[in-house]
């Protein structure tokens, strides 16, 4: 029976209907009641993904639009960090106060992760992504007018993060359905490259524009980009069918619920790694531009250009990480093993680079190791966010959302804590040391605690009426 199922999936991923056996969805509908259990099945070395349904000619269009979504999503989160020095000077705020505003965005981002994953797994990603991009663009446009009312500002920035939370789960769910297992990491890496290209373009451009216009116009311009993307997505995005709604409903209601899956050891460990990694990542997003100005005495325009240097390494590594992981799978390495090894190498190496950069004697050495950090850490992104398709192929959006939820929780803490440490110590060494510890700890957790084999299902008896 297992051989017949694998044969069916193998043919389906090549776009050919097998002459024997049932479709995957039919097998799911006919399956008895199950519940998730953290038991690995070593025999399953490849992800039992849904059939590849997207014609090859439509893939570049889909990837370009998802790349653009990541770019805009990230720019709308980091624009406030690039103009942070100007806002601090204009409003006379302490760094911890502005850090609280940044944390509000990430708190909303965290709060929306698991609900967005559940909704996307249930209803599909197409219209959810379109409507939420329009909503977060509106929140971006509303940011400058409410700076005079701190409480309202926190609410608006919270809503911005809440609406943006659909990004990662939606992308992961779409790519899992549209690409075969040995193509998935490359697709994810290309889409995630938008998170690096966005700051790469935005940092020098915004740093230059803020010298010509009031900083509020930066937010208005970013909002317009989001609305343009929504129109392009509706008009040009290929429709990638989600798992049949009836099959998914039966899977959730009669087999298990999302909390059973989230409580398994591999998912909890992956989420714990995300917590530490998110702390480090969002600390850099929030404070790296200000660090360059204060630690090395750069001007605003110099900062804008220097801030892009580590990003070049990150872009190359995002693409390279996906290629390497997929190539290892094509050469016969189990899918989960290939993803895990590359993710651990990237995170552990990144933590080491951050520690060295924090102790650098001059700005040249610091930027060199921060660039190396971006290169090595970037190798981990695509493999790590391809792991949900290995651990739980029926619920990739939910697993990706759980990891993103914990990453955002780490980000809620880091902007405020880093600003607080900088204000109290008068130096950036302590904040950077905590960032290095966070990403190194994430690598150790994945290395020691995450078993990258499919989370097996265990047959459960039907409850007897009492």
Protein backbone atom coordinates (compact mmCIF):
# COMPACT_ATOMS: atom_id res chain seq x y z
CA UNK A 1 0.00 0.00 0.00
CA UNK A 2 2.80 2.42 0.86
CA UNK A 3 4.49 1.66 -2.45
CA UNK A 4 1.28 2.44 -4.33
CA UNK A 5 0.94 5.78 -2.54
CA UNK A 6 4.55 6.73 -3.28
CA UNK A 7 4.07 5.74 -6.90
CA UNK A 8 0.99 7.93 -7.11
CA UNK A 9 2.79 10.93 -5.63
CA UNK A 10 5.84 10.39 -7.83
CA UNK A 11 3.76 10.46 -10.99
CA UNK A 12 1.69 13.40 -9.77
CA UNK A 13 4.71 15.59 -9.13
CA UNK A 14 5.60 15.16 -12.78
CA UNK A 15 2.17 16.28 -13.94
CA UNK A 16 1.15 12.74 -15.09
CA UNK A 17 -1.94 10.98 -13.83
CA UNK A 18 -1.04 7.48 -12.64
CA UNK A 19 -2.99 4.61 -14.07
CA UNK A 20 -3.27 2.82 -10.76
CA UNK A 21 -4.10 3.89 -7.26
CA UNK A 22 -6.07 6.80 -5.93
CA UNK A 23 -5.25 10.47 -5.88
CA UNK A 24 -3.71 11.84 -2.73
CA UNK A 25 -6.82 13.79 -1.83
CA UNK A 26 -8.99 10.72 -2.27
CA UNK A 27 -6.70 8.76 0.02
CA UNK A 28 -7.01 11.50 2.62
CA UNK A 29 -10.81 11.51 2.45
CA UNK A 30 -10.94 7.74 2.82
CA UNK A 31 -8.47 7.65 5.69
CA UNK A 32 -9.55 6.64 9.20
CA UNK A 33 -9.30 8.95 12.16
CA UNK A 34 -5.79 9.97 13.08
CA UNK A 35 -3.94 12.27 15.43
CA UNK A 36 -0.44 13.66 15.11
CA UNK A 37 2.28 12.13 17.19
CA UNK A 38 5.97 13.03 17.38
CA UNK A 39 7.11 9.68 15.98
CA UNK A 40 9.47 9.70 13.02
CA UNK A 41 9.15 7.31 10.11
CA UNK A 42 12.66 6.82 8.71
CA UNK A 43 11.38 5.10 5.60
CA UNK A 44 9.87 8.35 4.42
CA UNK A 45 12.84 10.25 3.08
CA UNK A 46 10.93 12.60 0.78
CA UNK A 47 8.11 14.95 1.48
CA UNK A 48 4.72 13.48 0.42
CA UNK A 49 3.68 16.75 -1.14
CA UNK A 50 0.55 17.49 -3.08
CA UNK A 51 0.80 17.22 -6.87
CA UNK A 52 2.56 19.99 -8.74
CA UNK A 53 -0.34 21.79 -10.39
CA UNK A 54 1.27 25.00 -11.66
CA UNK A 55 2.33 24.95 -15.35
CA UNK A 56 6.03 25.74 -15.77
CA UNK A 57 5.27 28.84 -17.83
CA UNK A 58 3.38 30.41 -14.93
CA UNK A 59 6.09 29.91 -12.34
CA UNK A 60 8.24 32.99 -13.14
CA UNK A 61 5.15 35.20 -12.83
CA UNK A 62 4.23 33.68 -9.46
CA UNK A 63 7.77 33.93 -8.10
CA UNK A 64 8.11 37.54 -9.28
CA UNK A 65 4.90 38.55 -7.52
CA UNK A 66 5.79 36.73 -4.29
CA UNK A 67 9.26 38.31 -4.46
CA UNK A 68 7.59 41.71 -4.79
CA UNK A 69 5.27 40.98 -1.87
CA UNK A 70 8.24 40.14 0.37
CA UNK A 71 10.05 43.27 -0.78
CA UNK A 72 7.12 45.58 0.03
CA UNK A 73 6.26 43.75 3.24
CA UNK A 74 9.76 44.17 4.59
CA UNK A 75 10.19 47.77 3.44
CA UNK A 76 6.97 48.69 5.26
CA UNK A 77 8.44 47.21 8.43
CA UNK A 78 11.94 48.70 8.17
CA UNK A 79 11.16 52.18 6.82
CA UNK A 80 10.72 53.43 10.39
CA UNK A 81 14.15 52.05 11.34
CA UNK A 82 15.89 53.88 8.49
CA UNK A 83 14.34 57.24 9.44
CA UNK A 84 14.71 56.50 13.18
CA UNK A 85 17.62 58.94 13.70
CA UNK A 86 15.58 61.73 12.11
CA UNK A 87 12.48 60.89 14.16
CA UNK A 88 14.51 60.80 17.39
CA UNK A 89 15.95 64.22 16.65
CA UNK A 90 12.63 65.68 15.46
CA UNK A 91 10.52 64.47 18.38
CA UNK A 92 13.18 64.34 21.10
CA UNK A 93 12.33 60.76 21.99
CA UNK A 94 14.56 58.28 23.82
CA UNK A 95 15.64 55.17 21.92
CA UNK A 96 13.59 52.95 24.23
CA UNK A 97 10.43 54.92 23.34
CA UNK A 98 10.90 54.41 19.62
CA UNK A 99 11.86 50.82 20.35
CA UNK A 100 8.44 50.39 21.96
CA UNK A 101 6.79 51.54 18.72
CA UNK A 102 8.84 49.03 16.75
CA UNK A 103 7.94 46.30 19.23
CA UNK A 104 4.23 47.05 18.77
CA UNK A 105 4.54 46.13 15.09
CA UNK A 106 6.18 42.84 15.92
CA UNK A 107 3.65 42.10 18.64
CA UNK A 108 0.90 42.38 16.05
CA UNK A 109 2.98 40.32 13.64
CA UNK A 110 3.29 37.60 16.27
CA UNK A 111 -0.39 37.70 17.24
CA UNK A 112 -1.51 37.13 13.66
CA UNK A 113 0.80 34.28 12.75
CA UNK A 114 -1.04 31.15 13.90
CA UNK A 115 -4.55 32.44 13.01
CA UNK A 116 -3.30 33.40 9.55
CA UNK A 117 -1.72 29.97 9.07
CA UNK A 118 -4.94 28.23 10.04
CA UNK A 119 -7.01 30.44 7.74
CA UNK A 120 -4.65 29.93 4.80
CA UNK A 121 -4.58 26.16 5.27
CA UNK A 122 -8.39 26.25 5.39
CA UNK A 123 -9.34 28.78 2.69
CA UNK A 124 -6.25 29.21 0.52
CA UNK A 125 -3.84 32.13 0.23
CA UNK A 126 -4.81 34.11 -2.87
CA UNK A 127 -7.47 36.51 -1.57
CA UNK A 128 -6.07 36.58 1.96
CA UNK A 129 -2.74 37.89 0.67
CA UNK A 130 -4.44 40.51 -1.52
CA UNK A 131 -6.74 41.86 1.19
CA UNK A 132 -4.09 41.90 3.91
CA UNK A 133 -1.56 43.71 1.71
CA UNK A 134 -4.16 46.43 1.11
CA UNK A 135 -4.81 46.60 4.86
CA UNK A 136 -1.15 46.90 5.89
CA UNK A 137 -0.58 49.53 3.20
CA UNK A 138 -3.42 51.57 4.72
CA UNK A 139 -1.82 51.20 8.17
CA UNK A 140 1.48 52.41 6.73
CA UNK A 141 -0.20 55.53 5.33
CA UNK A 142 -1.87 56.20 8.70
CA UNK A 143 1.41 56.06 10.65
CA UNK A 144 2.68 59.69 10.27
CA UNK A 145 -0.59 61.46 11.24
CA UNK A 146 -0.87 59.57 14.54
CA UNK A 147 2.65 60.22 15.86
CA UNK A 148 1.14 62.98 18.01
CA UNK A 149 -0.99 60.41 19.90
CA UNK A 150 1.33 57.73 21.25
CA UNK A 151 -1.41 55.26 22.18
CA UNK A 152 -3.05 55.50 18.75
CA UNK A 153 0.38 55.13 17.13
CA UNK A 154 0.93 51.86 19.01
CA UNK A 155 -2.45 50.56 17.81
CA UNK A 156 -1.76 51.47 14.17
CA UNK A 157 1.68 49.85 14.24
CA UNK A 158 0.21 46.77 15.95
CA UNK A 159 -2.36 46.48 13.15
CA UNK A 160 0.40 46.89 10.56
CA UNK A 161 2.17 43.85 11.98
CA UNK A 162 -1.09 41.92 12.34
CA UNK A 163 -1.97 42.39 8.66
CA UNK A 164 1.58 41.58 7.53
CA UNK A 165 1.54 38.26 9.38
CA UNK A 166 -0.05 36.45 6.41
CA UNK A 167 3.06 36.92 4.27
CA UNK A 168 5.25 33.97 5.22
CA UNK A 169 2.50 31.34 5.78
CA UNK A 170 0.78 32.31 2.54
CA UNK A 171 3.96 32.13 0.48
CA UNK A 172 4.94 28.77 2.01
CA UNK A 173 1.51 27.25 1.36
CA UNK A 174 1.51 28.40 -2.27
CA UNK A 175 5.05 27.24 -3.03
CA UNK A 176 4.48 23.86 -1.39
CA UNK A 177 1.60 23.23 -3.81
CA UNK A 178 3.34 24.68 -6.86
CA UNK A 179 6.82 23.13 -6.67
CA UNK A 180 8.22 19.63 -6.30
CA UNK A 181 10.30 18.74 -3.20
CA UNK A 182 13.60 19.12 -5.05
CA UNK A 183 12.54 22.59 -6.28
CA UNK A 184 10.93 23.97 -3.15
CA UNK A 185 14.00 25.42 -1.40
CA UNK A 186 15.02 27.33 -4.53
CA UNK A 187 11.52 28.77 -4.87
CA UNK A 188 11.48 29.76 -1.20
CA UNK A 189 14.95 31.27 -1.45
CA UNK A 190 14.03 33.37 -4.47
CA UNK A 191 10.88 34.67 -2.79
CA UNK A 192 12.67 35.42 0.49
CA UNK A 193 15.32 37.33 -1.45
CA UNK A 194 12.74 40.10 -1.58
CA UNK A 195 13.24 40.62 2.15
CA UNK A 196 16.87 41.49 1.39
CA UNK A 197 16.42 43.39 -1.86
CA UNK A 198 13.79 45.59 -0.18
CA UNK A 199 16.18 47.03 2.43
CA UNK A 200 18.98 47.06 -0.16
CA UNK A 201 17.01 49.45 -2.35
CA UNK A 202 15.17 51.26 0.42
CA UNK A 203 18.11 52.09 2.68
CA UNK A 204 20.03 54.46 0.37
CA UNK A 205 16.86 55.71 -1.33
CA UNK A 206 15.04 56.57 1.90
CA UNK A 207 18.21 58.01 3.47
CA UNK A 208 18.49 60.33 0.45
CA UNK A 209 14.78 61.21 0.25
CA UNK A 210 14.61 62.11 3.93
CA UNK A 211 17.18 64.83 3.28
CA UNK A 212 14.84 66.33 0.67
CA UNK A 213 11.38 65.78 2.15
CA UNK A 214 9.78 65.43 5.56
CA UNK A 215 10.10 61.90 6.92
CA UNK A 216 6.31 61.40 6.82
CA UNK A 217 6.40 61.20 3.00
CA UNK A 218 8.45 58.01 3.25
CA UNK A 219 5.45 56.19 4.74
CA UNK A 220 3.04 57.55 2.14
CA UNK A 221 5.28 56.38 -0.72
CA UNK A 222 5.61 52.90 0.77
CA UNK A 223 1.82 52.66 1.10
CA UNK A 224 1.36 53.41 -2.60
CA UNK A 225 3.69 50.53 -3.50
CA UNK A 226 1.51 48.13 -1.53
CA UNK A 227 -1.68 49.16 -3.30
CA UNK A 228 0.03 48.78 -6.69
CA UNK A 229 1.09 45.23 -5.76
CA UNK A 230 -2.48 44.29 -4.82
CA UNK A 231 -3.72 45.29 -8.28
CA UNK A 232 -0.88 43.38 -9.98
CA UNK A 233 -1.53 40.27 -7.86
CA UNK A 234 -5.24 40.18 -8.69
CA UNK A 235 -4.65 40.75 -12.41
CA UNK A 236 -1.58 38.62 -13.08
CA UNK A 237 -1.02 36.00 -10.36
CA UNK A 238 -1.61 32.41 -11.50
CA UNK A 239 -4.15 30.58 -9.39
CA UNK A 240 -2.50 27.83 -7.37
CA UNK A 241 -5.24 25.52 -6.05
CA UNK A 242 -5.03 24.87 -2.33
CA UNK A 243 -5.81 21.48 -0.87
CA UNK A 244 -9.51 20.68 -1.44
CA UNK A 245 -11.51 22.42 1.28
CA UNK A 246 -13.59 19.36 2.12
CA UNK A 247 -10.51 17.17 2.45
CA UNK A 248 -8.81 19.73 4.68
CA UNK A 249 -11.89 20.13 6.85
CA UNK A 250 -12.10 16.38 7.31
CA UNK A 251 -8.40 16.24 8.09
CA UNK A 252 -8.71 18.89 10.79
CA UNK A 253 -11.99 17.84 12.38
CA UNK A 254 -11.76 14.05 12.34
CA UNK A 255 -8.04 13.43 12.51
CA UNK A 256 -6.46 16.08 14.70
CA UNK A 257 -6.39 19.77 15.41
CA UNK A 258 -3.63 22.29 14.92
CA UNK A 259 -2.66 22.31 18.59
CA UNK A 260 -1.85 18.59 18.51
CA UNK A 261 0.60 19.29 15.72
CA UNK A 262 2.12 22.39 17.33
CA UNK A 263 2.73 20.52 20.61
CA UNK A 264 4.89 17.85 18.99
CA UNK A 265 8.57 17.97 19.88
CA UNK A 266 9.94 18.83 16.40
CA UNK A 267 7.57 21.77 15.98
CA UNK A 268 8.18 23.06 19.52
CA UNK A 269 11.95 22.85 19.00
CA UNK A 270 11.73 24.60 15.62
CA UNK A 271 9.58 27.30 17.21
CA UNK A 272 12.09 27.71 20.07
CA UNK A 273 14.87 28.19 17.55
CA UNK A 274 12.70 30.77 15.82
CA UNK A 275 12.32 32.69 19.10
CA UNK A 276 16.08 33.14 19.51
CA UNK A 277 16.70 33.76 15.83
CA UNK A 278 13.91 36.33 15.68
CA UNK A 279 15.42 38.21 18.62
CA UNK A 280 18.70 38.59 16.77
CA UNK A 281 17.23 39.31 13.35
CA UNK A 282 14.84 42.03 14.50
CA UNK A 283 17.47 43.67 16.66
CA UNK A 284 19.46 44.30 13.48
CA UNK A 285 16.40 45.40 11.53
CA UNK A 286 15.49 47.90 14.25
CA UNK A 287 18.86 49.33 15.24
CA UNK A 288 21.59 48.59 12.69
CA UNK A 289 21.21 51.96 10.87
CA UNK A 290 21.38 53.84 14.18
CA UNK A 291 24.35 51.70 15.25
CA UNK A 292 26.26 52.72 12.11
CA UNK A 293 25.62 56.40 12.81
CA UNK A 294 26.53 56.31 16.49
CA UNK A 295 29.31 53.72 16.63
CA UNK A 296 31.26 54.84 13.57
CA UNK A 297 30.17 58.46 13.05
CA UNK A 298 28.67 58.07 9.58
CA UNK A 299 26.46 60.70 8.00
CA UNK A 300 22.88 59.91 7.06
CA UNK A 301 23.70 59.30 3.40
CA UNK A 302 26.85 57.31 4.23
CA UNK A 303 24.79 55.16 6.56
CA UNK A 304 22.28 54.52 3.78
CA UNK A 305 24.95 53.07 1.53
CA UNK A 306 26.96 51.20 4.17
CA UNK A 307 23.74 49.64 5.48
CA UNK A 308 23.33 47.91 2.12
CA UNK A 309 26.71 46.16 2.14
CA UNK A 310 25.75 43.20 4.41
CA UNK A 311 22.55 42.87 2.40
CA UNK A 312 24.44 41.91 -0.78
CA UNK A 313 25.80 38.84 0.98
CA UNK A 314 22.35 37.99 2.29
CA UNK A 315 20.77 38.08 -1.17
CA UNK A 316 23.42 35.84 -2.70
CA UNK A 317 23.18 33.42 0.21
CA UNK A 318 19.38 33.21 0.09
CA UNK A 319 19.53 32.07 -3.51
CA UNK A 320 22.58 29.87 -2.98
CA UNK A 321 21.10 28.18 0.10
CA UNK A 322 18.06 27.03 -1.85
CA UNK A 323 20.21 25.77 -4.73
CA UNK A 324 22.55 23.83 -2.43
CA UNK A 325 19.71 22.26 -0.44
CA UNK A 326 17.83 21.17 -3.57
CA UNK A 327 21.01 19.85 -5.17
CA UNK A 328 21.71 17.70 -2.10
CA UNK A 329 18.19 16.27 -2.34
CA UNK A 330 18.63 15.56 -6.06
CA UNK A 331 21.83 13.66 -5.27
CA UNK A 332 20.01 11.35 -2.88
CA UNK A 333 20.36 12.97 0.55
CA UNK A 334 17.11 12.76 2.54
CA UNK A 335 15.20 16.02 2.16
CA UNK A 336 15.03 16.77 5.88
CA UNK A 337 18.72 16.05 6.44
CA UNK A 338 19.79 18.39 3.65
CA UNK A 339 17.62 21.23 4.98
CA UNK A 340 18.71 20.76 8.60
CA UNK A 341 22.45 20.62 7.96
CA UNK A 342 22.48 23.79 5.90
CA UNK A 343 20.27 25.63 8.40
CA UNK A 344 22.52 24.69 11.33
CA UNK A 345 25.67 25.70 9.48
CA UNK A 346 24.17 29.08 8.63
CA UNK A 347 22.93 29.89 12.14
CA UNK A 348 25.99 28.71 14.06
CA UNK A 349 28.34 30.50 11.67
CA UNK A 350 26.25 33.66 11.86
CA UNK A 351 26.41 33.78 15.63
CA UNK A 352 30.21 33.51 15.53
CA UNK A 353 30.45 36.39 13.02
CA UNK A 354 28.27 38.68 15.15
CA UNK A 355 30.43 38.11 18.23
CA UNK A 356 33.58 39.00 16.27
CA UNK A 357 31.95 42.08 14.69
CA UNK A 358 30.83 43.34 18.11
CA UNK A 359 34.47 43.33 19.28
CA UNK A 360 35.86 44.83 16.06
CA UNK A 361 38.55 47.52 16.58
CA UNK A 362 37.29 49.66 13.69
CA UNK A 363 34.37 50.08 11.33
CA UNK A 364 36.03 48.30 8.40
CA UNK A 365 36.46 45.07 10.36
CA UNK A 366 32.95 45.36 11.79
CA UNK A 367 31.33 45.80 8.37
CA UNK A 368 33.40 42.94 6.94
CA UNK A 369 32.13 40.50 9.59
CA UNK A 370 28.57 41.81 9.43
CA UNK A 371 28.70 41.17 5.68
CA UNK A 372 30.02 37.66 6.31
CA UNK A 373 27.23 37.25 8.86
CA UNK A 374 24.64 38.14 6.22
CA UNK A 375 26.18 35.69 3.77
CA UNK A 376 26.35 32.75 6.18
CA UNK A 377 23.01 33.38 7.87
CA UNK A 378 21.31 33.73 4.50
CA UNK A 379 22.20 30.12 3.72
CA UNK A 380 19.87 29.02 6.50
CA UNK A 381 16.70 30.85 5.46
CA UNK A 382 15.38 28.85 2.51
CA UNK A 383 16.30 25.43 3.97
CA UNK A 384 14.77 26.28 7.34
CA UNK A 385 11.50 27.54 5.86
CA UNK A 386 11.32 24.45 3.65
CA UNK A 387 11.27 22.22 6.75
CA UNK A 388 7.49 22.65 7.32
CA UNK A 389 6.93 20.74 4.07
CA UNK A 390 9.05 17.91 5.50
CA UNK A 391 7.57 17.80 8.99
CA UNK A 392 3.88 18.35 8.16
CA UNK A 393 3.12 18.60 4.43
CA UNK A 394 -0.64 18.85 5.06
CA UNK A 395 -0.23 21.91 7.29
CA UNK A 396 2.72 23.86 5.95
CA UNK A 397 1.14 27.27 6.54
CA UNK A 398 0.35 26.40 10.16
CA UNK A 399 3.90 25.20 10.88
CA UNK A 400 5.49 28.18 9.10
CA UNK A 401 3.17 30.50 11.03
CA UNK A 402 4.14 28.88 14.33
CA UNK A 403 7.84 29.45 13.64
CA UNK A 404 7.17 32.99 12.46
CA UNK A 405 5.07 33.63 15.58
CA UNK A 406 8.00 32.79 17.82
CA UNK A 407 10.42 34.78 15.65
CA UNK A 408 8.14 37.77 16.01
CA UNK A 409 7.94 37.27 19.79
CA UNK A 410 11.73 37.49 19.89
CA UNK A 411 11.41 40.65 17.82
CA UNK A 412 8.94 42.14 20.28
CA UNK A 413 11.62 42.02 22.96
CA UNK A 414 14.76 42.95 21.05
CA UNK A 415 14.03 46.54 19.84
CA UNK A 416 13.14 47.70 23.34
CA UNK A 417 15.82 45.68 25.13
CA UNK A 418 18.57 46.73 22.73
CA UNK A 419 17.55 50.39 23.03
CA UNK A 420 17.46 50.05 26.80
CA UNK A 421 20.91 48.43 26.95
CA UNK A 422 22.34 51.10 24.67
CA UNK A 423 20.84 53.91 26.77
CA UNK A 424 22.13 52.43 30.03
CA UNK A 425 25.60 51.29 28.95
CA UNK A 426 26.34 54.01 26.40
CA UNK A 427 27.75 51.37 24.04
CA UNK A 428 26.50 48.89 21.43
CA UNK A 429 28.57 45.94 22.68
CA UNK A 430 25.91 44.53 25.01
CA UNK A 431 23.04 44.64 22.44
CA UNK A 432 25.22 43.02 19.76
CA UNK A 433 26.40 40.31 22.17
CA UNK A 434 22.81 39.32 22.90
CA UNK A 435 22.15 39.18 19.13
CA UNK A 436 25.08 36.82 18.61
CA UNK A 437 23.94 34.60 21.46
CA UNK A 438 20.41 34.45 20.05
CA UNK A 439 21.28 33.23 16.57
CA UNK A 440 23.90 30.78 17.92
CA UNK A 441 21.34 29.32 20.33
CA UNK A 442 18.89 28.88 17.45
CA UNK A 443 21.42 26.78 15.56
CA UNK A 444 22.12 24.59 18.59
CA UNK A 445 18.40 23.96 19.19
CA UNK A 446 17.85 22.81 15.60
CA UNK A 447 21.00 20.69 15.65
CA UNK A 448 20.19 18.90 18.91
CA UNK A 449 16.40 18.80 19.15
CA UNK A 450 14.76 18.85 15.70
CA UNK A 451 14.28 15.46 14.07
CA UNK A 452 13.61 16.26 10.45
CA UNK A 453 11.44 13.33 9.48
CA UNK A 454 7.71 13.44 8.78
CA UNK A 455 5.61 13.61 11.91
CA UNK A 456 3.78 10.32 11.65
CA UNK A 457 0.12 9.79 12.31
CA UNK A 458 -1.12 7.20 14.73
CA UNK A 459 -4.45 5.46 14.31
CA UNK A 460 -6.80 6.43 17.12
CA UNK A 461 -9.89 4.44 18.13
CA UNK A 462 -13.24 6.10 17.59
CA UNK A 463 -14.72 7.28 20.87
CA UNK A 464 -17.46 5.00 22.13
CA UNK A 465 -20.80 6.54 23.07
CA UNK A 466 -21.47 6.63 26.78
